Amino acid sequence: MRRVEAEYDGWGEGSVVAFLCIAILLICLPLGMGPGPIEPPSFSMLLIVPVLMAAILIFLSYASRT
């Protein structure tokens, strides 16, 4: 199999690392919540998720071009 064909076959290393980072964050961040009353997240915290996902998408699109 040629190298070009192998690069488009499945997930690359960057995709796996990004997936694992997001999975770890989704599992570990709720554990950091204190024992006090649960409050709704602030607007800045709600904004972090789409910004982070957009940054990962842009990174993966640039990484797949090389």
PDB file of N, CA and C in Angstrom:
ATOM      1  N   MET A   1       0.846  -1.170   0.000  1.00  0.00           N
ATOM      2  CA  MET A   1       0.000   0.000   0.000  1.00  0.00           C
ATOM      3  C   MET A   1       0.896   1.238   0.000  1.00  0.00           C
ATOM      4  N   ARG A   2       0.528   2.175  -0.814  1.00  0.00           N
ATOM      5  CA  ARG A   2       1.313   3.410  -0.881  1.00  0.00           C
ATOM      6  C   ARG A   2       1.069   4.256   0.358  1.00  0.00           C
ATOM      7  N   ARG A   3       2.016   5.169   0.621  1.00  0.00           N
ATOM      8  CA  ARG A   3       1.917   6.032   1.808  1.00  0.00           C
ATOM      9  C   ARG A   3       0.700   6.949   1.729  1.00  0.00           C
ATOM     10  N   VAL A   4       0.390   7.469   0.556  1.00  0.00           N
ATOM     11  CA  VAL A   4      -0.741   8.385   0.408  1.00  0.00           C
ATOM     12  C   VAL A   4      -2.041   7.672   0.756  1.00  0.00           C
ATOM     13  N   GLU A   5      -2.196   6.432   0.315  1.00  0.00           N
ATOM     14  CA  GLU A   5      -3.401   5.677   0.629  1.00  0.00           C
ATOM     15  C   GLU A   5      -3.486   5.373   2.120  1.00  0.00           C
ATOM     16  N   ALA A   6      -2.354   5.111   2.748  1.00  0.00           N
ATOM     17  CA  ALA A   6      -2.347   4.780   4.172  1.00  0.00           C
ATOM     18  C   ALA A   6      -2.717   5.981   5.032  1.00  0.00           C
ATOM     19  N   GLU A   7      -2.402   7.190   4.583  1.00  0.00           N
ATOM     20  CA  GLU A   7      -2.699   8.377   5.376  1.00  0.00           C
ATOM     21  C   GLU A   7      -4.197   8.649   5.465  1.00  0.00           C
ATOM     22  N   TYR A   8      -4.972   8.205   4.521  1.00  0.00           N
ATOM     23  CA  TYR A   8      -6.410   8.461   4.524  1.00  0.00           C
ATOM     24  C   TYR A   8      -7.196   7.282   5.096  1.00  0.00           C
ATOM     25  N   ASP A   9      -6.512   6.357   5.696  1.00  0.00           N
ATOM     26  CA  ASP A   9      -7.156   5.149   6.189  1.00  0.00           C
ATOM     27  C   ASP A   9      -7.377   5.255   7.697  1.00  0.00           C
ATOM     28  N   GLY A  10      -8.576   5.586   8.129  1.00  0.00           N
ATOM     29  CA  GLY A  10      -8.885   5.638   9.552  1.00  0.00           C
ATOM     30  C   GLY A  10      -8.426   6.904  10.232  1.00  0.00           C
ATOM     31  N   TRP A  11      -8.341   6.828  11.538  1.00  0.00           N
ATOM     32  CA  TRP A  11      -7.951   7.972  12.349  1.00  0.00           C
ATOM     33  C   TRP A  11      -6.446   8.073  12.416  1.00  0.00           C
ATOM     34  N   GLY A  12      -5.950   9.298  12.374  1.00  0.00           N
ATOM     35  CA  GLY A  12      -4.528   9.534  12.536  1.00  0.00           C
ATOM     36  C   GLY A  12      -4.172   9.710  14.001  1.00  0.00           C
ATOM     37  N   GLU A  13      -2.892   9.927  14.252  1.00  0.00           N
ATOM     38  CA  GLU A  13      -2.422  10.087  15.626  1.00  0.00           C
ATOM     39  C   GLU A  13      -3.025  11.331  16.276  1.00  0.00           C
ATOM     40  N   GLY A  14      -3.108  12.424  15.524  1.00  0.00           N
ATOM     41  CA  GLY A  14      -3.669  13.656  16.079  1.00  0.00           C
ATOM     42  C   GLY A  14      -5.127  13.503  16.461  1.00  0.00           C
ATOM     43  N   SER A  15      -5.887  12.775  15.661  1.00  0.00           N
ATOM     44  CA  SER A  15      -7.300  12.566  15.967  1.00  0.00           C
ATOM     45  C   SER A  15      -7.473  11.739  17.233  1.00  0.00           C
ATOM     46  N   VAL A  16      -6.642  10.732  17.391  1.00  0.00           N
ATOM     47  CA  VAL A  16      -6.727   9.886  18.581  1.00  0.00           C
ATOM     48  C   VAL A  16      -6.353  10.680  19.828  1.00  0.00           C
ATOM     49  N   VAL A  17      -5.286  11.479  19.735  1.00  0.00           N
ATOM     50  CA  VAL A  17      -4.861  12.290  20.882  1.00  0.00           C
ATOM     51  C   VAL A  17      -5.941  13.304  21.246  1.00  0.00           C
ATOM     52  N   ALA A  18      -6.524  13.961  20.257  1.00  0.00           N
ATOM     53  CA  ALA A  18      -7.589  14.931  20.529  1.00  0.00           C
ATOM     54  C   ALA A  18      -8.795  14.252  21.169  1.00  0.00           C
ATOM     55  N   PHE A  19      -9.164  13.084  20.674  1.00  0.00           N
ATOM     56  CA  PHE A  19     -10.290  12.347  21.242  1.00  0.00           C
ATOM     57  C   PHE A  19     -10.021  11.959  22.689  1.00  0.00           C
ATOM     58  N   LEU A  20      -8.814  11.470  22.967  1.00  0.00           N
ATOM     59  CA  LEU A  20      -8.480  11.073  24.329  1.00  0.00           C
ATOM     60  C   LEU A  20      -8.448  12.268  25.278  1.00  0.00           C
ATOM     61  N   CYS A  21      -7.935  13.399  24.806  1.00  0.00           N
ATOM     62  CA  CYS A  21      -7.909  14.607  25.646  1.00  0.00           C
ATOM     63  C   CYS A  21      -9.321  15.053  25.999  1.00  0.00           C
ATOM     64  N   ILE A  22     -10.205  15.052  25.032  1.00  0.00           N
ATOM     65  CA  ILE A  22     -11.587  15.461  25.293  1.00  0.00           C
ATOM     66  C   ILE A  22     -12.269  14.469  26.228  1.00  0.00           C
ATOM     67  N   ALA A  23     -12.033  13.183  26.028  1.00  0.00           N
ATOM     68  CA  ALA A  23     -12.643  12.176  26.901  1.00  0.00           C
ATOM     69  C   ALA A  23     -12.150  12.325  28.337  1.00  0.00           C
ATOM     70  N   ILE A  24     -10.855  12.562  28.512  1.00  0.00           N
ATOM     71  CA  ILE A  24     -10.305  12.740  29.861  1.00  0.00           C
ATOM     72  C   ILE A  24     -10.884  13.990  30.514  1.00  0.00           C
ATOM     73  N   LEU A  25     -10.987  15.074  29.743  1.00  0.00           N
ATOM     74  CA  LEU A  25     -11.563  16.301  30.299  1.00  0.00           C
ATOM     75  C   LEU A  25     -13.019  16.099  30.704  1.00  0.00           C
ATOM     76  N   LEU A  26     -13.788  15.404  29.877  1.00  0.00           N
ATOM     77  CA  LEU A  26     -15.195  15.182  30.196  1.00  0.00           C
ATOM     78  C   LEU A  26     -15.370  14.303  31.430  1.00  0.00           C
ATOM     79  N   ILE A  27     -14.413  13.418  31.671  1.00  0.00           N
ATOM     80  CA  ILE A  27     -14.499  12.547  32.842  1.00  0.00           C
ATOM     81  C   ILE A  27     -13.970  13.242  34.094  1.00  0.00           C
ATOM     82  N   CYS A  28     -12.852  13.957  33.971  1.00  0.00           N
ATOM     83  CA  CYS A  28     -12.168  14.502  35.150  1.00  0.00           C
ATOM     84  C   CYS A  28     -12.683  15.864  35.600  1.00  0.00           C
ATOM     85  N   LEU A  29     -13.102  16.718  34.701  1.00  0.00           N
ATOM     86  CA  LEU A  29     -13.541  18.051  35.115  1.00  0.00           C
ATOM     87  C   LEU A  29     -14.740  18.031  36.069  1.00  0.00           C
ATOM     88  N   PRO A  30     -15.735  17.188  35.865  1.00  0.00           N
ATOM     89  CA  PRO A  30     -16.827  17.162  36.850  1.00  0.00           C
ATOM     90  C   PRO A  30     -16.372  16.698  38.231  1.00  0.00           C
ATOM     91  N   LEU A  31     -15.296  15.918  38.312  1.00  0.00           N
ATOM     92  CA  LEU A  31     -14.806  15.467  39.610  1.00  0.00           C
ATOM     93  C   LEU A  31     -14.214  16.613  40.412  1.00  0.00           C
ATOM     94  N   GLY A  32     -13.805  17.684  39.734  1.00  0.00           N
ATOM     95  CA  GLY A  32     -13.228  18.831  40.415  1.00  0.00           C
ATOM     96  C   GLY A  32     -14.259  19.754  41.037  1.00  0.00           C
ATOM     97  N   MET A  33     -15.516  19.461  40.829  1.00  0.00           N
ATOM     98  CA  MET A  33     -16.561  20.300  41.421  1.00  0.00           C
ATOM     99  C   MET A  33     -16.579  20.076  42.928  1.00  0.00           C
ATOM    100  N   GLY A  34     -16.681  21.160  43.660  1.00  0.00           N
ATOM    101  CA  GLY A  34     -16.655  21.082  45.119  1.00  0.00           C
ATOM    102  C   GLY A  34     -17.896  20.431  45.686  1.00  0.00           C
ATOM    103  N   PRO A  35     -17.857  20.161  46.982  1.00  0.00           N
ATOM    104  CA  PRO A  35     -19.013  19.527  47.629  1.00  0.00           C
ATOM    105  C   PRO A  35     -20.159  20.507  47.890  1.00  0.00           C
ATOM    106  N   GLY A  36     -19.962  21.767  47.554  1.00  0.00           N
ATOM    107  CA  GLY A  36     -20.997  22.776  47.786  1.00  0.00           C
ATOM    108  C   GLY A  36     -22.134  22.647  46.793  1.00  0.00           C
ATOM    109  N   PRO A  37     -23.042  23.603  46.821  1.00  0.00           N
ATOM    110  CA  PRO A  37     -24.184  23.562  45.895  1.00  0.00           C
ATOM    111  C   PRO A  37     -23.726  23.737  44.443  1.00  0.00           C
ATOM    112  N   ILE A  38     -24.400  23.049  43.571  1.00  0.00           N
ATOM    113  CA  ILE A  38     -24.060  23.104  42.148  1.00  0.00           C
ATOM    114  C   ILE A  38     -24.758  24.309  41.535  1.00  0.00           C
ATOM    115  N   GLU A  39     -23.983  25.125  40.847  1.00  0.00           N
ATOM    116  CA  GLU A  39     -24.513  26.310  40.181  1.00  0.00           C
ATOM    117  C   GLU A  39     -24.412  26.119  38.678  1.00  0.00           C
ATOM    118  N   PRO A  40     -25.240  26.802  37.914  1.00  0.00           N
ATOM    119  CA  PRO A  40     -25.093  26.713  36.461  1.00  0.00           C
ATOM    120  C   PRO A  40     -23.759  27.312  36.033  1.00  0.00           C
ATOM    121  N   PRO A  41     -23.188  26.797  34.965  1.00  0.00           N
ATOM    122  CA  PRO A  41     -21.897  27.327  34.518  1.00  0.00           C
ATOM    123  C   PRO A  41     -22.031  28.765  34.030  1.00  0.00           C
ATOM    124  N   SER A  42     -20.952  29.496  34.180  1.00  0.00           N
ATOM    125  CA  SER A  42     -20.948  30.883  33.716  1.00  0.00           C
ATOM    126  C   SER A  42     -20.900  30.915  32.190  1.00  0.00           C
ATOM    127  N   PHE A  43     -21.150  32.091  31.633  1.00  0.00           N
ATOM    128  CA  PHE A  43     -21.145  32.233  30.176  1.00  0.00           C
ATOM    129  C   PHE A  43     -19.769  31.924  29.598  1.00  0.00           C
ATOM    130  N   SER A  44     -18.713  32.336  30.303  1.00  0.00           N
ATOM    131  CA  SER A  44     -17.358  32.071  29.793  1.00  0.00           C
ATOM    132  C   SER A  44     -17.060  30.576  29.765  1.00  0.00           C
ATOM    133  N   MET A  45     -17.559  29.834  30.747  1.00  0.00           N
ATOM    134  CA  MET A  45     -17.352  28.386  30.747  1.00  0.00           C
ATOM    135  C   MET A  45     -18.138  27.724  29.613  1.00  0.00           C
ATOM    136  N   LEU A  46     -19.338  28.234  29.344  1.00  0.00           N
ATOM    137  CA  LEU A  46     -20.114  27.693  28.232  1.00  0.00           C
ATOM    138  C   LEU A  46     -19.456  28.004  26.892  1.00  0.00           C
ATOM    139  N   LEU A  47     -18.739  29.098  26.815  1.00  0.00           N
ATOM    140  CA  LEU A  47     -18.082  29.505  25.581  1.00  0.00           C
ATOM    141  C   LEU A  47     -16.811  28.699  25.315  1.00  0.00           C
ATOM    142  N   ILE A  48     -16.219  28.138  26.361  1.00  0.00           N
ATOM    143  CA  ILE A  48     -14.967  27.399  26.205  1.00  0.00           C
ATOM    144  C   ILE A  48     -15.165  26.156  25.335  1.00  0.00           C
ATOM    145  N   VAL A  49     -16.270  25.447  25.512  1.00  0.00           N
ATOM    146  CA  VAL A  49     -16.478  24.182  24.791  1.00  0.00           C
ATOM    147  C   VAL A  49     -16.504  24.379  23.276  1.00  0.00           C
ATOM    148  N   PRO A  50     -17.326  25.280  22.703  1.00  0.00           N
ATOM    149  CA  PRO A  50     -17.292  25.429  21.245  1.00  0.00           C
ATOM    150  C   PRO A  50     -15.975  26.001  20.736  1.00  0.00           C
ATOM    151  N   VAL A  51     -15.338  26.870  21.529  1.00  0.00           N
ATOM    152  CA  VAL A  51     -14.048  27.419  21.101  1.00  0.00           C
ATOM    153  C   VAL A  51     -12.996  26.313  21.071  1.00  0.00           C
ATOM    154  N   LEU A  52     -12.992  25.463  22.086  1.00  0.00           N
ATOM    155  CA  LEU A  52     -12.049  24.346  22.119  1.00  0.00           C
ATOM    156  C   LEU A  52     -12.301  23.385  20.961  1.00  0.00           C
ATOM    157  N   MET A  53     -13.560  23.074  20.694  1.00  0.00           N
ATOM    158  CA  MET A  53     -13.874  22.164  19.589  1.00  0.00           C
ATOM    159  C   MET A  53     -13.491  22.778  18.241  1.00  0.00           C
ATOM    160  N   ALA A  54     -13.701  24.077  18.070  1.00  0.00           N
ATOM    161  CA  ALA A  54     -13.304  24.741  16.829  1.00  0.00           C
ATOM    162  C   ALA A  54     -11.791  24.736  16.680  1.00  0.00           C
ATOM    163  N   ALA A  55     -11.068  24.953  17.776  1.00  0.00           N
ATOM    164  CA  ALA A  55      -9.605  24.926  17.720  1.00  0.00           C
ATOM    165  C   ALA A  55      -9.099  23.540  17.344  1.00  0.00           C
ATOM    166  N   ILE A  56      -9.713  22.506  17.888  1.00  0.00           N
ATOM    167  CA  ILE A  56      -9.314  21.139  17.545  1.00  0.00           C
ATOM    168  C   ILE A  56      -9.627  20.851  16.080  1.00  0.00           C
ATOM    169  N   LEU A  57     -10.786  21.293  15.603  1.00  0.00           N
ATOM    170  CA  LEU A  57     -11.145  21.083  14.199  1.00  0.00           C
ATOM    171  C   LEU A  57     -10.162  21.784  13.269  1.00  0.00           C
ATOM    172  N   ILE A  58      -9.804  23.023  13.590  1.00  0.00           N
ATOM    173  CA  ILE A  58      -8.844  23.763  12.762  1.00  0.00           C
ATOM    174  C   ILE A  58      -7.484  23.085  12.793  1.00  0.00           C
ATOM    175  N   PHE A  59      -7.049  22.660  13.992  1.00  0.00           N
ATOM    176  CA  PHE A  59      -5.764  21.971  14.104  1.00  0.00           C
ATOM    177  C   PHE A  59      -5.743  20.695  13.266  1.00  0.00           C
ATOM    178  N   LEU A  60      -6.805  19.913  13.351  1.00  0.00           N
ATOM    179  CA  LEU A  60      -6.844  18.661  12.598  1.00  0.00           C
ATOM    180  C   LEU A  60      -6.927  18.907  11.095  1.00  0.00           C
ATOM    181  N   SER A  61      -7.612  19.964  10.678  1.00  0.00           N
ATOM    182  CA  SER A  61      -7.682  20.243   9.243  1.00  0.00           C
ATOM    183  C   SER A  61      -6.323  20.684   8.709  1.00  0.00           C
ATOM    184  N   TYR A  62      -5.591  21.493   9.495  1.00  0.00           N
ATOM    185  CA  TYR A  62      -4.239  21.877   9.068  1.00  0.00           C
ATOM    186  C   TYR A  62      -3.281  20.693   9.122  1.00  0.00           C
ATOM    187  N   ALA A  63      -3.421  19.841  10.126  1.00  0.00           N
ATOM    188  CA  ALA A  63      -2.526  18.692  10.262  1.00  0.00           C
ATOM    189  C   ALA A  63      -2.755  17.676   9.147  1.00  0.00           C
ATOM    190  N   SER A  64      -3.976  17.593   8.640  1.00  0.00           N
ATOM    191  CA  SER A  64      -4.254  16.611   7.594  1.00  0.00           C
ATOM    192  C   SER A  64      -3.763  17.075   6.222  1.00  0.00           C
ATOM    193  N   ARG A  65      -3.450  18.348   6.084  1.00  0.00           N
ATOM    194  CA  ARG A  65      -2.966  18.856   4.792  1.00  0.00           C
ATOM    195  C   ARG A  65      -1.505  18.517   4.550  1.00  0.00           C
ATOM    196  N   THR A  66      -0.734  18.315   5.608  1.00  0.00           N
ATOM    197  CA  THR A  66       0.704  18.054   5.434  1.00  0.00           C
ATOM    198  C   THR A  66       0.993  16.594   5.316  1.00  0.00           C
TER     199      THR A  66
END
